[in-house]
Amino acid sequence: MPFERIFRMTLEELLTAQFDRLVDVYYQYKVTKLSEVQINTLTALFDYEHYQPKLAWFFMNPDNKFDFSTCHYCNAAYVNSYGKGDSYSTVLDAVNSFTLADWRYWFTEEQLSNTSINQIQGEQPYSSLSEFNKKKYLYKRVELYKCMNLATDANHFDLDHVLPKIKCPITALSLYNFAPSCQVCNEKLKKDEELGRTKEEWLKTSPTYSGNSFDEDVTIKLRPEVSCSTFFELMRNRENYHLEFETPHSAYEYYVALFRLRDRYNYHRQLALQILDLKERYSEEKVREISRLLSKKYGEEGCAIYSEEQITEDIFHIDFSMDRCFSKLRKDMMERN
């Protein structure tokens, strides 16, 4: 293949290469003089649109156990897969619960008539799928339920190419070049831009690179312009507060500006104000006292069944929010403000 001769990699190596290796390939492609025929050949070979359904399923498939729930770029929008499995635990549960609209989602009227659906619903519940499958009114008596995939069949995210495929088609199918993202970040802001101006910046800000330390290096701070003594005063005067991203490296500043994180986060500054108000009202000393009083009332003597850690979590929901939107904002308000 032409790319193997030019870039000295096999197809398998290219598809599974770690992001730092992809950066080298991407940079080499940009500085290599290729003919129009070679570019067209490579573009056709790594045709993302052709493989997009399979790639989307790869990231949606729960068996692959991908752990993502918010946009990798902004942490301000949810990205997730969904399907009938979110409503029904098993296919038998679905067969016993489906409405007419649910059956129509899976089967045409030619495959399963309204009369057959009425018969199915009239004989519910079924004790097993084998019992359900024996019904003579099923389409050609096939095992109808085997056509139903309850796991995941849709998604609420875009697959963004961290290294833009339009600038380097040979990384268009590389798994470590994909970042599940929201449509705002992918389509309206990043588009076909790179995550920086140098190879170092690409690595420092890529969500698929193990050396990415954005969460550790960048701090979100709440800057007051007025002083307020109560939460209600805070909320009335929230326009006088603003969230700031402290970026110790130019790569992070470029990233924050590209995704307009300052503007987008300041719209939600009331969340930061609420956390700081809770911190003031529930100091460590007060949490300790609550733990002592509750343990004395409900637990055995000397046994703190309501630990300080548990009470703090009940109030601030930091651990609960770790895979939710604005988890970094919550964490920084708790630990760095």
C-alpha atoms as a PDB file:
ATOM      1  CA  MET A   1       0.000   0.000   0.000  1.00  0.00           C
ATOM      2  CA  PRO A   2       1.278   3.553  -0.734  1.00  0.00           C
ATOM      3  CA  PHE A   3       1.160   4.784   2.868  1.00  0.00           C
ATOM      4  CA  GLU A   4       3.230   1.787   4.058  1.00  0.00           C
ATOM      5  CA  ARG A   5       6.068   2.741   1.728  1.00  0.00           C
ATOM      6  CA  ILE A   6       5.910   6.414   2.664  1.00  0.00           C
ATOM      7  CA  PHE A   7       5.283   6.209   6.413  1.00  0.00           C
ATOM      8  CA  ARG A   8       6.800   2.820   7.207  1.00  0.00           C
ATOM      9  CA  MET A   9       3.761   1.520   9.087  1.00  0.00           C
ATOM     10  CA  THR A  10       1.365  -1.336   8.489  1.00  0.00           C
ATOM     11  CA  LEU A  11      -2.348  -0.692   8.314  1.00  0.00           C
ATOM     12  CA  GLU A  12      -2.887  -2.365  11.687  1.00  0.00           C
ATOM     13  CA  GLU A  13      -0.151  -0.277  13.297  1.00  0.00           C
ATOM     14  CA  LEU A  14      -1.686   2.901  11.927  1.00  0.00           C
ATOM     15  CA  LEU A  15      -5.208   2.076  13.076  1.00  0.00           C
ATOM     16  CA  THR A  16      -4.132   1.247  16.638  1.00  0.00           C
ATOM     17  CA  ALA A  17      -1.184   3.636  17.083  1.00  0.00           C
ATOM     18  CA  GLN A  18      -1.048   5.693  20.284  1.00  0.00           C
ATOM     19  CA  PHE A  19      -1.712   9.399  19.866  1.00  0.00           C
ATOM     20  CA  ASP A  20       1.924  10.505  20.183  1.00  0.00           C
ATOM     21  CA  ARG A  21       2.793   8.230  17.253  1.00  0.00           C
ATOM     22  CA  LEU A  22      -0.153   9.614  15.259  1.00  0.00           C
ATOM     23  CA  VAL A  23       1.166  13.132  15.829  1.00  0.00           C
ATOM     24  CA  ASP A  24       4.440  12.106  14.183  1.00  0.00           C
ATOM     25  CA  VAL A  25       2.560  10.589  11.237  1.00  0.00           C
ATOM     26  CA  TYR A  26       0.330  13.654  10.949  1.00  0.00           C
ATOM     27  CA  TYR A  27       3.286  16.011  10.947  1.00  0.00           C
ATOM     28  CA  GLN A  28       5.177  13.875   8.448  1.00  0.00           C
ATOM     29  CA  TYR A  29       2.160  13.865   6.130  1.00  0.00           C
ATOM     30  CA  LYS A  30       1.931  17.665   6.272  1.00  0.00           C
ATOM     31  CA  VAL A  31       5.583  18.131   5.284  1.00  0.00           C
ATOM     32  CA  THR A  32       5.716  15.316   2.696  1.00  0.00           C
ATOM     33  CA  LYS A  33       5.178  16.339  -0.894  1.00  0.00           C
ATOM     34  CA  LEU A  34       2.601  13.975  -2.350  1.00  0.00           C
ATOM     35  CA  SER A  35       1.141  13.972  -5.819  1.00  0.00           C
ATOM     36  CA  GLU A  36      -2.560  14.579  -6.346  1.00  0.00           C
ATOM     37  CA  VAL A  37      -2.945  10.930  -7.348  1.00  0.00           C
ATOM     38  CA  GLN A  38      -1.309   9.771  -4.104  1.00  0.00           C
ATOM     39  CA  ILE A  39      -3.509  12.088  -2.010  1.00  0.00           C
ATOM     40  CA  ASN A  40      -6.668  10.868  -3.767  1.00  0.00           C
ATOM     41  CA  THR A  41      -5.594   7.251  -3.300  1.00  0.00           C
ATOM     42  CA  LEU A  42      -4.994   7.732   0.425  1.00  0.00           C
ATOM     43  CA  THR A  43      -8.245   9.643   0.866  1.00  0.00           C
ATOM     44  CA  ALA A  44     -10.192   6.831  -0.799  1.00  0.00           C
ATOM     45  CA  LEU A  45      -8.399   4.180   1.245  1.00  0.00           C
ATOM     46  CA  PHE A  46      -9.133   5.882   4.587  1.00  0.00           C
ATOM     47  CA  ASP A  47     -12.707   6.889   3.751  1.00  0.00           C
ATOM     48  CA  TYR A  48     -14.223   7.786   7.123  1.00  0.00           C
ATOM     49  CA  GLU A  49     -17.766   8.203   5.760  1.00  0.00           C
ATOM     50  CA  HIS A  50     -17.718   4.610   4.517  1.00  0.00           C
ATOM     51  CA  TYR A  51     -16.671   3.183   7.889  1.00  0.00           C
ATOM     52  CA  GLN A  52     -18.507   5.685  10.101  1.00  0.00           C
ATOM     53  CA  PRO A  53     -21.402   3.364  11.088  1.00  0.00           C
ATOM     54  CA  LYS A  54     -19.011   0.627  12.226  1.00  0.00           C
ATOM     55  CA  LEU A  55     -16.819   3.110  14.082  1.00  0.00           C
ATOM     56  CA  ALA A  56     -19.840   4.644  15.796  1.00  0.00           C
ATOM     57  CA  TRP A  57     -20.987   1.186  16.897  1.00  0.00           C
ATOM     58  CA  PHE A  58     -17.489   0.417  18.187  1.00  0.00           C
ATOM     59  CA  PHE A  59     -17.735   3.367  20.560  1.00  0.00           C
ATOM     60  CA  MET A  60     -21.401   2.757  21.389  1.00  0.00           C
ATOM     61  CA  ASN A  61     -21.101  -0.972  22.065  1.00  0.00           C
ATOM     62  CA  PRO A  62     -21.392  -1.466  25.850  1.00  0.00           C
ATOM     63  CA  ASP A  63     -19.288  -4.644  25.606  1.00  0.00           C
ATOM     64  CA  ASN A  64     -16.256  -2.451  24.875  1.00  0.00           C
ATOM     65  CA  LYS A  65     -16.772  -0.711  28.244  1.00  0.00           C
ATOM     66  CA  PHE A  66     -15.803   2.789  27.171  1.00  0.00           C
ATOM     67  CA  ASP A  67     -16.085   5.090  30.149  1.00  0.00           C
ATOM     68  CA  PHE A  68     -17.240   8.464  28.881  1.00  0.00           C
ATOM     69  CA  SER A  69     -20.314  10.486  29.693  1.00  0.00           C
ATOM     70  CA  THR A  70     -19.432  14.133  29.012  1.00  0.00           C
ATOM     71  CA  CYS A  71     -17.785  15.939  26.113  1.00  0.00           C
ATOM     72  CA  HIS A  72     -14.028  15.408  26.256  1.00  0.00           C
ATOM     73  CA  TYR A  73     -13.406  18.997  25.210  1.00  0.00           C
ATOM     74  CA  CYS A  74     -15.726  21.088  27.390  1.00  0.00           C
ATOM     75  CA  ASN A  75     -17.160  18.852  30.140  1.00  0.00           C
ATOM     76  CA  ALA A  76     -20.276  20.997  29.752  1.00  0.00           C
ATOM     77  CA  ALA A  77     -22.488  18.637  27.714  1.00  0.00           C
ATOM     78  CA  TYR A  78     -23.385  14.972  27.994  1.00  0.00           C
ATOM     79  CA  VAL A  79     -22.244  12.478  25.373  1.00  0.00           C
ATOM     80  CA  ASN A  80     -23.794   9.055  25.658  1.00  0.00           C
ATOM     81  CA  SER A  81     -25.341   6.133  23.853  1.00  0.00           C
ATOM     82  CA  TYR A  82     -28.878   5.016  24.439  1.00  0.00           C
ATOM     83  CA  GLY A  83     -31.272   2.304  23.390  1.00  0.00           C
ATOM     84  CA  LYS A  84     -34.274   0.247  24.397  1.00  0.00           C
ATOM     85  CA  GLY A  85     -32.047  -1.439  26.948  1.00  0.00           C
ATOM     86  CA  ASP A  86     -32.305   1.709  29.048  1.00  0.00           C
ATOM     87  CA  SER A  87     -36.013   0.973  29.469  1.00  0.00           C
ATOM     88  CA  TYR A  88     -36.064  -2.849  29.426  1.00  0.00           C
ATOM     89  CA  SER A  89     -33.627  -5.121  31.205  1.00  0.00           C
ATOM     90  CA  THR A  90     -34.109  -8.173  28.934  1.00  0.00           C
ATOM     91  CA  VAL A  91     -35.722  -9.028  25.590  1.00  0.00           C
ATOM     92  CA  LEU A  92     -38.400 -11.012  27.443  1.00  0.00           C
ATOM     93  CA  ASP A  93     -39.157  -7.918  29.523  1.00  0.00           C
ATOM     94  CA  ALA A  94     -39.496  -5.943  26.290  1.00  0.00           C
ATOM     95  CA  VAL A  95     -41.765  -8.549  24.654  1.00  0.00           C
ATOM     96  CA  ASN A  96     -44.041  -8.405  27.685  1.00  0.00           C
ATOM     97  CA  SER A  97     -44.078  -4.595  27.792  1.00  0.00           C
ATOM     98  CA  PHE A  98     -43.795  -3.256  24.232  1.00  0.00           C
ATOM     99  CA  THR A  99     -46.495  -0.921  22.970  1.00  0.00           C
ATOM    100  CA  LEU A 100     -47.631  -0.793  19.340  1.00  0.00           C
ATOM    101  CA  ALA A 101     -45.181   2.062  18.742  1.00  0.00           C
ATOM    102  CA  ASP A 102     -42.329  -0.024  20.192  1.00  0.00           C
ATOM    103  CA  TRP A 103     -43.084  -2.953  17.882  1.00  0.00           C
ATOM    104  CA  ARG A 104     -43.268  -0.584  14.917  1.00  0.00           C
ATOM    105  CA  TYR A 105     -39.815   0.726  15.828  1.00  0.00           C
ATOM    106  CA  TRP A 106     -38.379  -2.719  15.123  1.00  0.00           C
ATOM    107  CA  PHE A 107     -40.681  -4.254  12.483  1.00  0.00           C
ATOM    108  CA  THR A 108     -42.643  -3.129   9.452  1.00  0.00           C
ATOM    109  CA  GLU A 109     -46.318  -4.006   9.068  1.00  0.00           C
ATOM    110  CA  GLU A 110     -45.319  -6.570   6.436  1.00  0.00           C
ATOM    111  CA  GLN A 111     -43.147  -8.336   8.999  1.00  0.00           C
ATOM    112  CA  LEU A 112     -45.598  -8.000  11.866  1.00  0.00           C
ATOM    113  CA  SER A 113     -49.176  -6.858  11.331  1.00  0.00           C
ATOM    114  CA  ASN A 114     -51.230  -4.846  13.800  1.00  0.00           C
ATOM    115  CA  THR A 115     -53.439  -7.911  14.236  1.00  0.00           C
ATOM    116  CA  SER A 116     -50.413  -9.987  15.265  1.00  0.00           C
ATOM    117  CA  ILE A 117     -49.295  -7.297  17.684  1.00  0.00           C
ATOM    118  CA  ASN A 118     -52.763  -7.271  19.263  1.00  0.00           C
ATOM    119  CA  GLN A 119     -52.524 -11.063  19.654  1.00  0.00           C
ATOM    120  CA  ILE A 120     -49.072 -10.752  21.214  1.00  0.00           C
ATOM    121  CA  GLN A 121     -50.336  -8.199  23.719  1.00  0.00           C
ATOM    122  CA  GLY A 122     -53.479 -10.216  24.408  1.00  0.00           C
ATOM    123  CA  GLU A 123     -51.475 -13.272  25.502  1.00  0.00           C
ATOM    124  CA  GLN A 124     -48.973 -11.455  27.732  1.00  0.00           C
ATOM    125  CA  PRO A 125     -47.131 -12.199  29.889  1.00  0.00           C
ATOM    126  CA  TYR A 126     -44.897 -14.878  28.354  1.00  0.00           C
ATOM    127  CA  SER A 127     -42.850 -17.012  30.705  1.00  0.00           C
ATOM    128  CA  SER A 128     -39.978 -17.444  28.249  1.00  0.00           C
ATOM    129  CA  LEU A 129     -38.823 -16.402  24.795  1.00  0.00           C
ATOM    130  CA  SER A 130     -39.250 -19.961  23.532  1.00  0.00           C
ATOM    131  CA  GLU A 131     -42.939 -19.806  24.474  1.00  0.00           C
ATOM    132  CA  PHE A 132     -43.269 -16.477  22.670  1.00  0.00           C
ATOM    133  CA  ASN A 133     -41.518 -17.851  19.587  1.00  0.00           C
ATOM    134  CA  LYS A 134     -43.914 -20.755  19.201  1.00  0.00           C
ATOM    135  CA  LYS A 135     -46.841 -18.494  18.353  1.00  0.00           C
ATOM    136  CA  LYS A 136     -48.107 -19.313  14.863  1.00  0.00           C
ATOM    137  CA  TYR A 137     -48.945 -15.717  13.996  1.00  0.00           C
ATOM    138  CA  LEU A 138     -45.307 -14.630  14.003  1.00  0.00           C
ATOM    139  CA  TYR A 139     -43.820 -13.684  10.638  1.00  0.00           C
ATOM    140  CA  LYS A 140     -42.791 -16.953   8.937  1.00  0.00           C
ATOM    141  CA  ARG A 141     -42.366 -18.372  12.465  1.00  0.00           C
ATOM    142  CA  VAL A 142     -38.832 -17.006  12.602  1.00  0.00           C
ATOM    143  CA  GLU A 143     -37.273 -16.250  15.984  1.00  0.00           C
ATOM    144  CA  LEU A 144     -38.500 -12.699  15.825  1.00  0.00           C
ATOM    145  CA  TYR A 145     -36.878 -11.499  19.031  1.00  0.00           C
ATOM    146  CA  LYS A 146     -33.410 -12.330  17.670  1.00  0.00           C
ATOM    147  CA  CYS A 147     -33.739  -9.332  15.360  1.00  0.00           C
ATOM    148  CA  MET A 148     -34.038  -7.027  18.352  1.00  0.00           C
ATOM    149  CA  ASN A 149     -30.920  -5.422  19.770  1.00  0.00           C
ATOM    150  CA  LEU A 150     -31.865  -3.796  23.039  1.00  0.00           C
ATOM    151  CA  ALA A 151     -28.343  -2.823  24.015  1.00  0.00           C
ATOM    152  CA  THR A 152     -27.605   0.424  22.210  1.00  0.00           C
ATOM    153  CA  ASP A 153     -28.864   1.750  18.918  1.00  0.00           C
ATOM    154  CA  ALA A 154     -28.312   5.506  18.964  1.00  0.00           C
ATOM    155  CA  ASN A 155     -25.931   8.065  20.330  1.00  0.00           C
ATOM    156  CA  HIS A 156     -25.882  11.605  21.572  1.00  0.00           C
ATOM    157  CA  PHE A 157     -22.373  12.579  20.522  1.00  0.00           C
ATOM    158  CA  ASP A 158     -20.089  13.318  17.597  1.00  0.00           C
ATOM    159  CA  LEU A 159     -16.871  11.469  16.881  1.00  0.00           C
ATOM    160  CA  ASP A 160     -14.368  14.258  16.437  1.00  0.00           C
ATOM    161  CA  HIS A 161     -11.014  13.763  14.742  1.00  0.00           C
ATOM    162  CA  VAL A 162      -8.493  15.299  17.122  1.00  0.00           C
ATOM    163  CA  LEU A 163      -6.069  15.562  14.197  1.00  0.00           C
ATOM    164  CA  PRO A 164      -8.356  16.833  11.403  1.00  0.00           C
ATOM    165  CA  LYS A 165      -8.947  14.227   8.732  1.00  0.00           C
ATOM    166  CA  ILE A 166      -9.242  16.880   6.043  1.00  0.00           C
ATOM    167  CA  LYS A 167      -5.599  17.835   6.666  1.00  0.00           C
ATOM    168  CA  CYS A 168      -4.345  14.259   6.980  1.00  0.00           C
ATOM    169  CA  PRO A 169      -6.654  11.525   5.609  1.00  0.00           C
ATOM    170  CA  ILE A 170      -4.443   8.639   6.740  1.00  0.00           C
ATOM    171  CA  THR A 171      -5.313   9.229  10.425  1.00  0.00           C
ATOM    172  CA  ALA A 172      -9.044   9.364   9.659  1.00  0.00           C
ATOM    173  CA  LEU A 173      -9.637   5.806  10.935  1.00  0.00           C
ATOM    174  CA  SER A 174      -7.063   5.665  13.748  1.00  0.00           C
ATOM    175  CA  LEU A 175      -8.825   4.835  16.998  1.00  0.00           C
ATOM    176  CA  TYR A 176      -6.726   7.142  19.182  1.00  0.00           C
ATOM    177  CA  ASN A 177      -7.618  10.043  16.918  1.00  0.00           C
ATOM    178  CA  PHE A 178     -11.281   9.949  17.950  1.00  0.00           C
ATOM    179  CA  ALA A 179     -12.760  11.977  20.792  1.00  0.00           C
ATOM    180  CA  PRO A 180     -16.476  11.688  21.664  1.00  0.00           C
ATOM    181  CA  SER A 181     -17.610  15.294  21.794  1.00  0.00           C
ATOM    182  CA  CYS A 182     -20.685  17.478  21.781  1.00  0.00           C
ATOM    183  CA  GLN A 183     -21.883  19.120  18.572  1.00  0.00           C
ATOM    184  CA  VAL A 184     -21.037  22.612  19.815  1.00  0.00           C
ATOM    185  CA  CYS A 185     -17.370  21.730  20.323  1.00  0.00           C
ATOM    186  CA  ASN A 186     -17.070  19.649  17.174  1.00  0.00           C
ATOM    187  CA  GLU A 187     -19.164  21.441  14.583  1.00  0.00           C
ATOM    188  CA  LYS A 188     -19.330  25.048  15.746  1.00  0.00           C
ATOM    189  CA  LEU A 189     -16.001  25.667  17.447  1.00  0.00           C
ATOM    190  CA  LYS A 190     -13.214  23.218  16.618  1.00  0.00           C
ATOM    191  CA  LYS A 191     -14.381  22.311  13.120  1.00  0.00           C
ATOM    192  CA  ASP A 192     -11.193  21.402  11.216  1.00  0.00           C
ATOM    193  CA  GLU A 193      -8.796  23.159  13.583  1.00  0.00           C
ATOM    194  CA  GLU A 194      -5.877  21.565  15.394  1.00  0.00           C
ATOM    195  CA  LEU A 195      -5.670  21.689  19.191  1.00  0.00           C
ATOM    196  CA  GLY A 196      -2.675  23.996  19.131  1.00  0.00           C
ATOM    197  CA  ARG A 197       0.080  25.393  16.968  1.00  0.00           C
ATOM    198  CA  THR A 198       2.880  22.899  17.621  1.00  0.00           C
ATOM    199  CA  LYS A 199       3.325  19.160  18.114  1.00  0.00           C
ATOM    200  CA  GLU A 200       3.894  19.777  21.818  1.00  0.00           C
ATOM    201  CA  GLU A 201       0.585  21.622  22.113  1.00  0.00           C
ATOM    202  CA  TRP A 202      -1.279  18.886  20.219  1.00  0.00           C
ATOM    203  CA  LEU A 203      -0.039  16.345  22.730  1.00  0.00           C
ATOM    204  CA  LYS A 204      -0.633  18.524  25.776  1.00  0.00           C
ATOM    205  CA  THR A 205      -4.304  19.110  24.979  1.00  0.00           C
ATOM    206  CA  SER A 206      -5.437  15.892  23.282  1.00  0.00           C
ATOM    207  CA  PRO A 207      -8.043  13.996  25.329  1.00  0.00           C
ATOM    208  CA  THR A 208      -6.704  10.702  23.928  1.00  0.00           C
ATOM    209  CA  TYR A 209      -3.100  11.212  25.053  1.00  0.00           C
ATOM    210  CA  SER A 210      -2.053   9.737  28.384  1.00  0.00           C
ATOM    211  CA  GLY A 211       0.193  12.748  29.083  1.00  0.00           C
ATOM    212  CA  ASN A 212      -2.706  15.215  28.988  1.00  0.00           C
ATOM    213  CA  SER A 213      -2.716  17.059  32.328  1.00  0.00           C
ATOM    214  CA  PHE A 214      -5.289  19.777  31.658  1.00  0.00           C
ATOM    215  CA  ASP A 215      -7.291  18.967  34.791  1.00  0.00           C
ATOM    216  CA  GLU A 216      -4.215  19.115  37.008  1.00  0.00           C
ATOM    217  CA  ASP A 217      -2.505  22.132  35.427  1.00  0.00           C
ATOM    218  CA  VAL A 218      -5.460  24.411  34.709  1.00  0.00           C
ATOM    219  CA  THR A 219      -7.419  25.928  37.587  1.00  0.00           C
ATOM    220  CA  ILE A 220     -10.896  27.454  37.431  1.00  0.00           C
ATOM    221  CA  LYS A 221     -11.181  30.421  39.789  1.00  0.00           C
ATOM    222  CA  LEU A 222     -14.196  32.505  40.774  1.00  0.00           C
ATOM    223  CA  ARG A 223     -13.286  36.197  40.783  1.00  0.00           C
ATOM    224  CA  PRO A 224     -15.544  38.512  42.838  1.00  0.00           C
ATOM    225  CA  GLU A 225     -16.025  42.164  41.999  1.00  0.00           C
ATOM    226  CA  VAL A 226     -18.259  42.775  45.025  1.00  0.00           C
ATOM    227  CA  SER A 227     -18.538  41.257  48.481  1.00  0.00           C
ATOM    228  CA  CYS A 228     -21.699  39.351  49.486  1.00  0.00           C
ATOM    229  CA  SER A 229     -22.521  37.815  52.848  1.00  0.00           C
ATOM    230  CA  THR A 230     -25.369  35.407  51.984  1.00  0.00           C
ATOM    231  CA  PHE A 231     -26.227  33.023  49.188  1.00  0.00           C
ATOM    232  CA  PHE A 232     -29.213  35.160  48.178  1.00  0.00           C
ATOM    233  CA  GLU A 233     -26.953  38.179  47.869  1.00  0.00           C
ATOM    234  CA  LEU A 234     -24.561  36.081  45.796  1.00  0.00           C
ATOM    235  CA  MET A 235     -27.334  35.082  43.412  1.00  0.00           C
ATOM    236  CA  ARG A 236     -28.687  38.625  43.156  1.00  0.00           C
ATOM    237  CA  ASN A 237     -25.209  39.906  42.342  1.00  0.00           C
ATOM    238  CA  ARG A 238     -23.890  36.975  40.300  1.00  0.00           C
ATOM    239  CA  GLU A 239     -23.195  39.273  37.344  1.00  0.00           C
ATOM    240  CA  ASN A 240     -20.449  40.783  39.507  1.00  0.00           C
ATOM    241  CA  TYR A 241     -18.616  37.448  39.643  1.00  0.00           C
ATOM    242  CA  HIS A 242     -16.825  35.755  36.807  1.00  0.00           C
ATOM    243  CA  LEU A 243     -15.057  32.455  36.293  1.00  0.00           C
ATOM    244  CA  GLU A 244     -11.480  32.539  35.114  1.00  0.00           C
ATOM    245  CA  PHE A 245      -9.299  29.750  33.703  1.00  0.00           C
ATOM    246  CA  GLU A 246      -5.737  30.060  34.953  1.00  0.00           C
ATOM    247  CA  THR A 247      -3.607  28.537  32.198  1.00  0.00           C
ATOM    248  CA  PRO A 248       0.119  28.049  32.945  1.00  0.00           C
ATOM    249  CA  HIS A 249       0.945  27.046  29.356  1.00  0.00           C
ATOM    250  CA  SER A 250       0.181  28.590  25.968  1.00  0.00           C
ATOM    251  CA  ALA A 251      -1.281  25.267  24.805  1.00  0.00           C
ATOM    252  CA  TYR A 252      -3.994  25.468  27.442  1.00  0.00           C
ATOM    253  CA  GLU A 253      -4.728  29.098  26.683  1.00  0.00           C
ATOM    254  CA  TYR A 254      -5.180  28.216  23.005  1.00  0.00           C
ATOM    255  CA  TYR A 255      -7.465  25.336  24.003  1.00  0.00           C
ATOM    256  CA  VAL A 256      -9.595  27.467  26.364  1.00  0.00           C
ATOM    257  CA  ALA A 257      -9.976  30.124  23.679  1.00  0.00           C
ATOM    258  CA  LEU A 258     -10.757  27.609  20.903  1.00  0.00           C
ATOM    259  CA  PHE A 259     -13.653  26.079  22.825  1.00  0.00           C
ATOM    260  CA  ARG A 260     -14.718  29.415  24.368  1.00  0.00           C
ATOM    261  CA  LEU A 261     -14.678  27.859  27.818  1.00  0.00           C
ATOM    262  CA  ARG A 262     -14.636  31.204  29.642  1.00  0.00           C
ATOM    263  CA  ASP A 263     -17.819  32.392  27.955  1.00  0.00           C
ATOM    264  CA  ARG A 264     -19.581  29.053  28.215  1.00  0.00           C
ATOM    265  CA  TYR A 265     -18.679  28.439  31.846  1.00  0.00           C
ATOM    266  CA  ASN A 266     -19.581  31.935  33.008  1.00  0.00           C
ATOM    267  CA  TYR A 267     -23.133  31.276  31.906  1.00  0.00           C
ATOM    268  CA  HIS A 268     -23.171  28.586  34.633  1.00  0.00           C
ATOM    269  CA  ARG A 269     -21.348  30.541  37.332  1.00  0.00           C
ATOM    270  CA  GLN A 270     -24.315  30.158  39.683  1.00  0.00           C
ATOM    271  CA  LEU A 271     -23.146  26.562  40.200  1.00  0.00           C
ATOM    272  CA  ALA A 272     -19.772  27.823  41.418  1.00  0.00           C
ATOM    273  CA  LEU A 273     -21.465  30.396  43.641  1.00  0.00           C
ATOM    274  CA  GLN A 274     -23.682  27.721  45.163  1.00  0.00           C
ATOM    275  CA  ILE A 275     -20.718  25.486  45.987  1.00  0.00           C
ATOM    276  CA  LEU A 276     -18.796  28.342  47.618  1.00  0.00           C
ATOM    277  CA  ASP A 277     -21.870  29.259  49.641  1.00  0.00           C
ATOM    278  CA  LEU A 278     -22.157  25.659  50.845  1.00  0.00           C
ATOM    279  CA  LYS A 279     -18.463  25.640  51.733  1.00  0.00           C
ATOM    280  CA  GLU A 280     -18.970  28.687  53.903  1.00  0.00           C
ATOM    281  CA  ARG A 281     -22.065  27.331  55.631  1.00  0.00           C
ATOM    282  CA  TYR A 282     -20.682  23.812  56.091  1.00  0.00           C
ATOM    283  CA  SER A 283     -17.104  24.298  57.189  1.00  0.00           C
ATOM    284  CA  GLU A 284     -14.970  21.333  58.193  1.00  0.00           C
ATOM    285  CA  GLU A 285     -15.717  22.127  61.830  1.00  0.00           C
ATOM    286  CA  LYS A 286     -19.471  22.090  61.240  1.00  0.00           C
ATOM    287  CA  VAL A 287     -19.299  18.852  59.248  1.00  0.00           C
ATOM    288  CA  ARG A 288     -17.327  17.297  62.090  1.00  0.00           C
ATOM    289  CA  GLU A 289     -20.014  18.401  64.564  1.00  0.00           C
ATOM    290  CA  ILE A 290     -22.822  17.020  62.383  1.00  0.00           C
ATOM    291  CA  SER A 291     -21.001  13.686  62.165  1.00  0.00           C
ATOM    292  CA  ARG A 292     -20.563  13.578  65.926  1.00  0.00           C
ATOM    293  CA  LEU A 293     -24.220  14.409  66.651  1.00  0.00           C
ATOM    294  CA  LEU A 294     -25.676  11.947  64.132  1.00  0.00           C
ATOM    295  CA  SER A 295     -23.345   9.148  65.189  1.00  0.00           C
ATOM    296  CA  LYS A 296     -24.225   9.723  68.820  1.00  0.00           C
ATOM    297  CA  LYS A 297     -27.926   9.574  68.048  1.00  0.00           C
ATOM    298  CA  TYR A 298     -28.034   6.619  65.629  1.00  0.00           C
ATOM    299  CA  GLY A 299     -24.834   4.672  66.131  1.00  0.00           C
ATOM    300  CA  GLU A 300     -23.187   2.740  68.868  1.00  0.00           C
ATOM    301  CA  GLU A 301     -21.002   4.662  71.235  1.00  0.00           C
ATOM    302  CA  GLY A 302     -17.714   5.569  69.579  1.00  0.00           C
ATOM    303  CA  CYS A 303     -18.906   4.378  66.152  1.00  0.00           C
ATOM    304  CA  ALA A 304     -19.215   7.193  63.596  1.00  0.00           C
ATOM    305  CA  ILE A 305     -21.769   5.662  61.235  1.00  0.00           C
ATOM    306  CA  TYR A 306     -22.110   9.091  59.631  1.00  0.00           C
ATOM    307  CA  SER A 307     -18.511   9.849  58.775  1.00  0.00           C
ATOM    308  CA  GLU A 308     -17.298  13.317  57.899  1.00  0.00           C
ATOM    309  CA  GLU A 309     -16.486  12.074  54.390  1.00  0.00           C
ATOM    310  CA  GLN A 310     -20.017  10.764  53.894  1.00  0.00           C
ATOM    311  CA  ILE A 311     -21.642  13.960  55.137  1.00  0.00           C
ATOM    312  CA  THR A 312     -19.372  16.070  52.937  1.00  0.00           C
ATOM    313  CA  GLU A 313     -20.363  13.949  49.932  1.00  0.00           C
ATOM    314  CA  ASP A 314     -24.068  14.211  50.835  1.00  0.00           C
ATOM    315  CA  ILE A 315     -23.769  17.996  50.854  1.00  0.00           C
ATOM    316  CA  PHE A 316     -21.464  18.643  47.903  1.00  0.00           C
ATOM    317  CA  HIS A 317     -21.935  15.518  45.687  1.00  0.00           C
ATOM    318  CA  ILE A 318     -18.356  15.685  44.409  1.00  0.00           C
ATOM    319  CA  ASP A 319     -17.805  11.934  43.929  1.00  0.00           C
ATOM    320  CA  PHE A 320     -21.298  11.531  42.481  1.00  0.00           C
ATOM    321  CA  SER A 321     -20.552  14.281  39.978  1.00  0.00           C
ATOM    322  CA  MET A 322     -17.188  12.967  38.774  1.00  0.00           C
ATOM    323  CA  ASP A 323     -18.687  11.625  35.539  1.00  0.00           C
ATOM    324  CA  ARG A 324     -21.231  14.419  35.220  1.00  0.00           C
ATOM    325  CA  CYS A 325     -21.116  17.806  33.518  1.00  0.00           C
ATOM    326  CA  PHE A 326     -18.936  20.457  35.172  1.00  0.00           C
ATOM    327  CA  SER A 327     -17.137  17.923  37.358  1.00  0.00           C
ATOM    328  CA  LYS A 328     -13.893  19.910  37.065  1.00  0.00           C
ATOM    329  CA  LEU A 329     -15.678  23.123  38.004  1.00  0.00           C
ATOM    330  CA  ARG A 330     -17.113  21.467  41.106  1.00  0.00           C
ATOM    331  CA  LYS A 331     -13.770  19.969  42.072  1.00  0.00           C
ATOM    332  CA  ASP A 332     -11.881  23.227  41.615  1.00  0.00           C
ATOM    333  CA  MET A 333     -14.441  25.179  43.619  1.00  0.00           C
ATOM    334  CA  MET A 334     -14.028  22.697  46.445  1.00  0.00           C
ATOM    335  CA  GLU A 335     -10.250  22.343  46.425  1.00  0.00           C
ATOM    336  CA  ARG A 336      -8.751  25.463  44.804  1.00  0.00           C
ATOM    337  CA  ASN A 337     -11.013  28.355  45.801  1.00  0.00           C
END
